[in-house]
């Protein structure tokens, strides 16, 4: 298996640099979508004078630092979106990547749950360590060690994300029982019309009608779903590394993330897009 050969050889095992170049395109595209969506739903006016966000920033950072954040916020939105587009298209790749990472890190200053930002920074750091990110949309397929270290890191990060997520779910009796998922879908079904940004959720009507209650049947159904998710998160990393099972693992992973993203399109668009993109790094 190439991954263990790379580890034992001190990352001198040649790999296909095109794997990381494809991921660079996926990374740039996902960040472009995320940054473009940040202009909507009040994002452009987040730090408007007198807003709650401005007040919280002043309390957290003090007047001087908060003023710097408020002043630079809108220009940063524009610059990082343009940089993400340039990164995906392979124009000024490394400067664009640095601007994208800085623009993503800015969200750590005001988002309440910045997990997607941390994951973006981790995967982006792998690209930053790659020796050959390519130029434009041209993909190179010659064997070299330029991207071996970065590719191994990307595999490790994705494996850690999956296995840590599975471990947290295993430790949660409410999730394992199916009750958490059943309650989430039930509550959403009841209050979806009152949600301020209800378009950011996309639970299919079929699911709401046939699995949106709290009957014993619904809970059993969601228990099976919970068990399937845990199993998939544990099995996907090794299955992606084994050539014979890679195609099946890719289909299973895409299906799982498509379901997750349908539940919360805006919140999970970046995470699902980047995670599926990292599958490129599992093949040599």
Foldseek 3Di string as FASTA:
>chain_A
DVLVVCVVVVLFRWDFLLLLLLLQLLLLVLLLVLLVCCCPPCNLVQCPPPDPQLVVLCVVPNDPVSVVCSVCVNVLSVLLNVLSVCRNQFHPNQVSLVSVLVSLVSVVSGDPDSPLSVVSNQLSVLSNQAQDNDGGSDGGGDIGSRNSVSLSSLLVVLLCVLLVVLVVQVPDPCQLQLNVVQVVLQVCLVCLVVDPCSVQFADDPVCCVPQNHDDPVNSVVSNVVSVVSSVLSNPLSVLLLDVVRNVVSLVVLLVVLVNVCNGGVSVCSSVSSSSSSSSSSSYD
